[in-house]
Amino acid sequence: MEKNVTAALTEMNIEAEVSKVSDLELIIAYGVVRTPGLVIDGRVVSVGKVLTLEQIKERLKPQT
C-alpha cells in the first residue's frame, strides 16, 4: 500500500511524509487491529485491506 500512497500523493501534487510503521505498540495505539492500516493526519482511514490508488486519492481529498 505504501507504493499506492506515494503514487496518489504524487498525482495529487501533495507534499507529505509517508511512514511505514512496523512497531506493534504504535499500530495498536492507533486502534488498528488488522493490517495494513492507513492513517492520515492522525486519523485512521482504512484497516485490514490494501487500498487501490483511487481509494487512497478519495481519502486524501479535503473533508468538507
PDB file of N, CA and C in Angstrom:
ATOM      1  N   MET A   1       0.820  -1.181   0.000  1.00  0.00           N
ATOM      2  CA  MET A   1       0.000   0.000   0.000  1.00  0.00           C
ATOM      3  C   MET A   1       0.872   1.256   0.000  1.00  0.00           C
ATOM      4  N   GLU A   2       2.055   1.164   0.545  1.00  0.00           N
ATOM      5  CA  GLU A   2       2.955   2.323   0.582  1.00  0.00           C
ATOM      6  C   GLU A   2       3.197   2.872  -0.826  1.00  0.00           C
ATOM      7  N   LYS A   3       3.362   1.991  -1.780  1.00  0.00           N
ATOM      8  CA  LYS A   3       3.588   2.400  -3.175  1.00  0.00           C
ATOM      9  C   LYS A   3       2.375   3.165  -3.711  1.00  0.00           C
ATOM     10  N   ASN A   4       1.167   2.679  -3.414  1.00  0.00           N
ATOM     11  CA  ASN A   4      -0.050   3.354  -3.874  1.00  0.00           C
ATOM     12  C   ASN A   4      -0.218   4.713  -3.203  1.00  0.00           C
ATOM     13  N   VAL A   5       0.121   4.810  -1.930  1.00  0.00           N
ATOM     14  CA  VAL A   5       0.023   6.088  -1.221  1.00  0.00           C
ATOM     15  C   VAL A   5       0.975   7.101  -1.845  1.00  0.00           C
ATOM     16  N   THR A   6       2.194   6.688  -2.093  1.00  0.00           N
ATOM     17  CA  THR A   6       3.180   7.580  -2.706  1.00  0.00           C
ATOM     18  C   THR A   6       2.723   8.023  -4.092  1.00  0.00           C
ATOM     19  N   ALA A   7       2.176   7.107  -4.873  1.00  0.00           N
ATOM     20  CA  ALA A   7       1.683   7.446  -6.211  1.00  0.00           C
ATOM     21  C   ALA A   7       0.518   8.425  -6.132  1.00  0.00           C
ATOM     22  N   ALA A   8      -0.396   8.212  -5.195  1.00  0.00           N
ATOM     23  CA  ALA A   8      -1.543   9.111  -5.044  1.00  0.00           C
ATOM     24  C   ALA A   8      -1.086  10.512  -4.664  1.00  0.00           C
ATOM     25  N   LEU A   9      -0.154  10.605  -3.743  1.00  0.00           N
ATOM     26  CA  LEU A   9       0.365  11.915  -3.343  1.00  0.00           C
ATOM     27  C   LEU A   9       1.012  12.631  -4.520  1.00  0.00           C
ATOM     28  N   THR A  10       1.766  11.900  -5.312  1.00  0.00           N
ATOM     29  CA  THR A  10       2.423  12.480  -6.485  1.00  0.00           C
ATOM     30  C   THR A  10       1.392  12.979  -7.485  1.00  0.00           C
ATOM     31  N   GLU A  11       0.393  12.146  -7.796  1.00  0.00           N
ATOM     32  CA  GLU A  11      -0.638  12.529  -8.769  1.00  0.00           C
ATOM     33  C   GLU A  11      -1.430  13.746  -8.315  1.00  0.00           C
ATOM     34  N   MET A  12      -1.618  13.879  -7.000  1.00  0.00           N
ATOM     35  CA  MET A  12      -2.418  14.974  -6.468  1.00  0.00           C
ATOM     36  C   MET A  12      -1.567  16.183  -6.071  1.00  0.00           C
ATOM     37  N   ASN A  13      -0.256  16.115  -6.354  1.00  0.00           N
ATOM     38  CA  ASN A  13       0.669  17.202  -6.009  1.00  0.00           C
ATOM     39  C   ASN A  13       0.602  17.579  -4.532  1.00  0.00           C
ATOM     40  N   ILE A  14       0.585  16.562  -3.681  1.00  0.00           N
ATOM     41  CA  ILE A  14       0.551  16.769  -2.236  1.00  0.00           C
ATOM     42  C   ILE A  14       1.907  16.393  -1.661  1.00  0.00           C
ATOM     43  N   GLU A  15       2.491  17.320  -0.907  1.00  0.00           N
ATOM     44  CA  GLU A  15       3.744  17.019  -0.213  1.00  0.00           C
ATOM     45  C   GLU A  15       3.389  16.476   1.159  1.00  0.00           C
ATOM     46  N   ALA A  16       3.884  15.285   1.472  1.00  0.00           N
ATOM     47  CA  ALA A  16       3.597  14.673   2.767  1.00  0.00           C
ATOM     48  C   ALA A  16       4.681  13.673   3.109  1.00  0.00           C
ATOM     49  N   GLU A  17       4.821  13.440   4.386  1.00  0.00           N
ATOM     50  CA  GLU A  17       5.749  12.417   4.857  1.00  0.00           C
ATOM     51  C   GLU A  17       4.994  11.095   4.929  1.00  0.00           C
ATOM     52  N   VAL A  18       5.557  10.059   4.345  1.00  0.00           N
ATOM     53  CA  VAL A  18       4.962   8.724   4.377  1.00  0.00           C
ATOM     54  C   VAL A  18       5.835   7.850   5.261  1.00  0.00           C
ATOM     55  N   SER A  19       5.215   7.235   6.254  1.00  0.00           N
ATOM     56  CA  SER A  19       5.951   6.363   7.168  1.00  0.00           C
ATOM     57  C   SER A  19       5.309   4.988   7.190  1.00  0.00           C
ATOM     58  N   LYS A  20       6.113   3.972   7.025  1.00  0.00           N
ATOM     59  CA  LYS A  20       5.643   2.596   7.165  1.00  0.00           C
ATOM     60  C   LYS A  20       5.959   2.177   8.594  1.00  0.00           C
ATOM     61  N   VAL A  21       4.927   1.896   9.366  1.00  0.00           N
ATOM     62  CA  VAL A  21       5.089   1.587  10.783  1.00  0.00           C
ATOM     63  C   VAL A  21       5.018   0.081  10.988  1.00  0.00           C
ATOM     64  N   SER A  22       6.017  -0.459  11.657  1.00  0.00           N
ATOM     65  CA  SER A  22       6.009  -1.889  11.969  1.00  0.00           C
ATOM     66  C   SER A  22       6.034  -2.146  13.474  1.00  0.00           C
ATOM     67  N   ASP A  23       6.106  -1.079  14.272  1.00  0.00           N
ATOM     68  CA  ASP A  23       6.100  -1.194  15.727  1.00  0.00           C
ATOM     69  C   ASP A  23       4.685  -1.553  16.188  1.00  0.00           C
ATOM     70  N   LEU A  24       4.512  -2.767  16.693  1.00  0.00           N
ATOM     71  CA  LEU A  24       3.195  -3.269  17.074  1.00  0.00           C
ATOM     72  C   LEU A  24       2.520  -2.371  18.107  1.00  0.00           C
ATOM     73  N   GLU A  25       3.269  -1.848  19.052  1.00  0.00           N
ATOM     74  CA  GLU A  25       2.678  -0.979  20.074  1.00  0.00           C
ATOM     75  C   GLU A  25       2.106   0.295  19.465  1.00  0.00           C
ATOM     76  N   LEU A  26       2.802   0.870  18.502  1.00  0.00           N
ATOM     77  CA  LEU A  26       2.310   2.079  17.840  1.00  0.00           C
ATOM     78  C   LEU A  26       1.085   1.762  16.990  1.00  0.00           C
ATOM     79  N   ILE A  27       1.109   0.642  16.304  1.00  0.00           N
ATOM     80  CA  ILE A  27      -0.042   0.227  15.494  1.00  0.00           C
ATOM     81  C   ILE A  27      -1.271   0.088  16.387  1.00  0.00           C
ATOM     82  N   ILE A  28      -1.118  -0.583  17.511  1.00  0.00           N
ATOM     83  CA  ILE A  28      -2.226  -0.778  18.447  1.00  0.00           C
ATOM     84  C   ILE A  28      -2.683   0.557  19.030  1.00  0.00           C
ATOM     85  N   ALA A  29      -1.743   1.466  19.287  1.00  0.00           N
ATOM     86  CA  ALA A  29      -2.091   2.779  19.832  1.00  0.00           C
ATOM     87  C   ALA A  29      -3.031   3.541  18.900  1.00  0.00           C
ATOM     88  N   TYR A  30      -2.903   3.322  17.599  1.00  0.00           N
ATOM     89  CA  TYR A  30      -3.808   3.945  16.631  1.00  0.00           C
ATOM     90  C   TYR A  30      -5.150   3.232  16.564  1.00  0.00           C
ATOM     91  N   GLY A  31      -5.269   2.078  17.202  1.00  0.00           N
ATOM     92  CA  GLY A  31      -6.512   1.321  17.162  1.00  0.00           C
ATOM     93  C   GLY A  31      -6.615   0.426  15.943  1.00  0.00           C
ATOM     94  N   VAL A  32      -5.516   0.235  15.252  1.00  0.00           N
ATOM     95  CA  VAL A  32      -5.507  -0.636  14.078  1.00  0.00           C
ATOM     96  C   VAL A  32      -5.362  -2.068  14.576  1.00  0.00           C
ATOM     97  N   VAL A  33      -6.413  -2.883  14.355  1.00  0.00           N
ATOM     98  CA  VAL A  33      -6.392  -4.259  14.843  1.00  0.00           C
ATOM     99  C   VAL A  33      -6.075  -5.260  13.741  1.00  0.00           C
ATOM    100  N   ARG A  34      -6.154  -4.808  12.500  1.00  0.00           N
ATOM    101  CA  ARG A  34      -5.766  -5.639  11.354  1.00  0.00           C
ATOM    102  C   ARG A  34      -4.939  -4.776  10.425  1.00  0.00           C
ATOM    103  N   THR A  35      -3.881  -5.363   9.888  1.00  0.00           N
ATOM    104  CA  THR A  35      -3.042  -4.614   8.959  1.00  0.00           C
ATOM    105  C   THR A  35      -3.365  -5.038   7.537  1.00  0.00           C
ATOM    106  N   PRO A  36      -3.080  -4.208   6.562  1.00  0.00           N
ATOM    107  CA  PRO A  36      -2.481  -2.884   6.699  1.00  0.00           C
ATOM    108  C   PRO A  36      -3.507  -1.856   7.167  1.00  0.00           C
ATOM    109  N   GLY A  37      -3.002  -0.792   7.713  1.00  0.00           N
ATOM    110  CA  GLY A  37      -3.846   0.324   8.103  1.00  0.00           C
ATOM    111  C   GLY A  37      -3.299   1.594   7.476  1.00  0.00           C
ATOM    112  N   LEU A  38      -4.175   2.550   7.264  1.00  0.00           N
ATOM    113  CA  LEU A  38      -3.757   3.839   6.712  1.00  0.00           C
ATOM    114  C   LEU A  38      -4.239   4.941   7.641  1.00  0.00           C
ATOM    115  N   VAL A  39      -3.299   5.768   8.089  1.00  0.00           N
ATOM    116  CA  VAL A  39      -3.594   6.885   8.981  1.00  0.00           C
ATOM    117  C   VAL A  39      -3.199   8.162   8.257  1.00  0.00           C
ATOM    118  N   ILE A  40      -4.129   9.102   8.173  1.00  0.00           N
ATOM    119  CA  ILE A  40      -3.869  10.397   7.542  1.00  0.00           C
ATOM    120  C   ILE A  40      -4.126  11.476   8.581  1.00  0.00           C
ATOM    121  N   ASP A  41      -3.119  12.276   8.853  1.00  0.00           N
ATOM    122  CA  ASP A  41      -3.214  13.358   9.845  1.00  0.00           C
ATOM    123  C   ASP A  41      -3.737  12.854  11.185  1.00  0.00           C
ATOM    124  N   GLY A  42      -3.243  11.695  11.617  1.00  0.00           N
ATOM    125  CA  GLY A  42      -3.617  11.151  12.913  1.00  0.00           C
ATOM    126  C   GLY A  42      -4.954  10.447  12.957  1.00  0.00           C
ATOM    127  N   ARG A  43      -5.630  10.338  11.819  1.00  0.00           N
ATOM    128  CA  ARG A  43      -6.954   9.708  11.754  1.00  0.00           C
ATOM    129  C   ARG A  43      -6.862   8.419  10.951  1.00  0.00           C
ATOM    130  N   VAL A  44      -7.349   7.320  11.527  1.00  0.00           N
ATOM    131  CA  VAL A  44      -7.348   6.036  10.831  1.00  0.00           C
ATOM    132  C   VAL A  44      -8.424   6.089   9.750  1.00  0.00           C
ATOM    133  N   VAL A  45      -8.019   5.871   8.485  1.00  0.00           N
ATOM    134  CA  VAL A  45      -8.971   5.941   7.375  1.00  0.00           C
ATOM    135  C   VAL A  45      -9.181   4.594   6.694  1.00  0.00           C
ATOM    136  N   SER A  46      -8.379   3.603   7.058  1.00  0.00           N
ATOM    137  CA  SER A  46      -8.550   2.266   6.486  1.00  0.00           C
ATOM    138  C   SER A  46      -7.840   1.251   7.367  1.00  0.00           C
ATOM    139  N   VAL A  47      -8.475   0.085   7.510  1.00  0.00           N
ATOM    140  CA  VAL A  47      -7.900  -1.002   8.296  1.00  0.00           C
ATOM    141  C   VAL A  47      -8.190  -2.321   7.592  1.00  0.00           C
ATOM    142  N   GLY A  48      -7.165  -3.161   7.486  1.00  0.00           N
ATOM    143  CA  GLY A  48      -7.363  -4.535   7.056  1.00  0.00           C
ATOM    144  C   GLY A  48      -7.428  -4.804   5.572  1.00  0.00           C
ATOM    145  N   LYS A  49      -7.134  -3.800   4.746  1.00  0.00           N
ATOM    146  CA  LYS A  49      -7.121  -4.060   3.305  1.00  0.00           C
ATOM    147  C   LYS A  49      -6.168  -3.104   2.603  1.00  0.00           C
ATOM    148  N   VAL A  50      -5.653  -3.566   1.480  1.00  0.00           N
ATOM    149  CA  VAL A  50      -4.795  -2.723   0.650  1.00  0.00           C
ATOM    150  C   VAL A  50      -5.706  -1.904  -0.254  1.00  0.00           C
ATOM    151  N   LEU A  51      -5.637  -0.602  -0.121  1.00  0.00           N
ATOM    152  CA  LEU A  51      -6.475   0.282  -0.926  1.00  0.00           C
ATOM    153  C   LEU A  51      -5.888   0.464  -2.315  1.00  0.00           C
ATOM    154  N   THR A  52      -6.775   0.661  -3.288  1.00  0.00           N
ATOM    155  CA  THR A  52      -6.332   0.981  -4.639  1.00  0.00           C
ATOM    156  C   THR A  52      -5.886   2.440  -4.674  1.00  0.00           C
ATOM    157  N   LEU A  53      -5.229   2.802  -5.739  1.00  0.00           N
ATOM    158  CA  LEU A  53      -4.796   4.183  -5.930  1.00  0.00           C
ATOM    159  C   LEU A  53      -5.988   5.135  -5.833  1.00  0.00           C
ATOM    160  N   GLU A  54      -7.082   4.799  -6.487  1.00  0.00           N
ATOM    161  CA  GLU A  54      -8.270   5.667  -6.480  1.00  0.00           C
ATOM    162  C   GLU A  54      -8.880   5.780  -5.086  1.00  0.00           C
ATOM    163  N   GLN A  55      -8.916   4.686  -4.335  1.00  0.00           N
ATOM    164  CA  GLN A  55      -9.452   4.726  -2.974  1.00  0.00           C
ATOM    165  C   GLN A  55      -8.599   5.628  -2.082  1.00  0.00           C
ATOM    166  N   ILE A  56      -7.297   5.568  -2.258  1.00  0.00           N
ATOM    167  CA  ILE A  56      -6.402   6.419  -1.471  1.00  0.00           C
ATOM    168  C   ILE A  56      -6.611   7.881  -1.843  1.00  0.00           C
ATOM    169  N   LYS A  57      -6.705   8.171  -3.128  1.00  0.00           N
ATOM    170  CA  LYS A  57      -6.916   9.552  -3.571  1.00  0.00           C
ATOM    171  C   LYS A  57      -8.218  10.107  -2.992  1.00  0.00           C
ATOM    172  N   GLU A  58      -9.252   9.290  -2.928  1.00  0.00           N
ATOM    173  CA  GLU A  58     -10.529   9.727  -2.358  1.00  0.00           C
ATOM    174  C   GLU A  58     -10.360  10.097  -0.882  1.00  0.00           C
ATOM    175  N   ARG A  59      -9.589   9.318  -0.156  1.00  0.00           N
ATOM    176  CA  ARG A  59      -9.370   9.589   1.268  1.00  0.00           C
ATOM    177  C   ARG A  59      -8.457  10.796   1.495  1.00  0.00           C
ATOM    178  N   LEU A  60      -7.648  11.138   0.510  1.00  0.00           N
ATOM    179  CA  LEU A  60      -6.752  12.292   0.626  1.00  0.00           C
ATOM    180  C   LEU A  60      -7.452  13.615   0.336  1.00  0.00           C
ATOM    181  N   LYS A  61      -8.631  13.563  -0.283  1.00  0.00           N
ATOM    182  CA  LYS A  61      -9.352  14.799  -0.594  1.00  0.00           C
ATOM    183  C   LYS A  61      -9.753  15.494   0.701  1.00  0.00           C
ATOM    184  N   PRO A  62      -9.722  16.823   0.707  1.00  0.00           N
ATOM    185  CA  PRO A  62     -10.132  17.560   1.914  1.00  0.00           C
ATOM    186  C   PRO A  62     -11.567  17.214   2.309  1.00  0.00           C
ATOM    187  N   GLN A  63     -11.773  17.069   3.603  1.00  0.00           N
ATOM    188  CA  GLN A  63     -13.113  16.789   4.124  1.00  0.00           C
ATOM    189  C   GLN A  63     -13.901  18.088   4.202  1.00  0.00           C
ATOM    190  N   THR A  64     -15.149  18.053   3.740  1.00  0.00           N
ATOM    191  CA  THR A  64     -15.981  19.267   3.799  1.00  0.00           C
ATOM    192  C   THR A  64     -17.099  19.113   4.779  1.00  0.00           C
TER     193      THR A  64
END
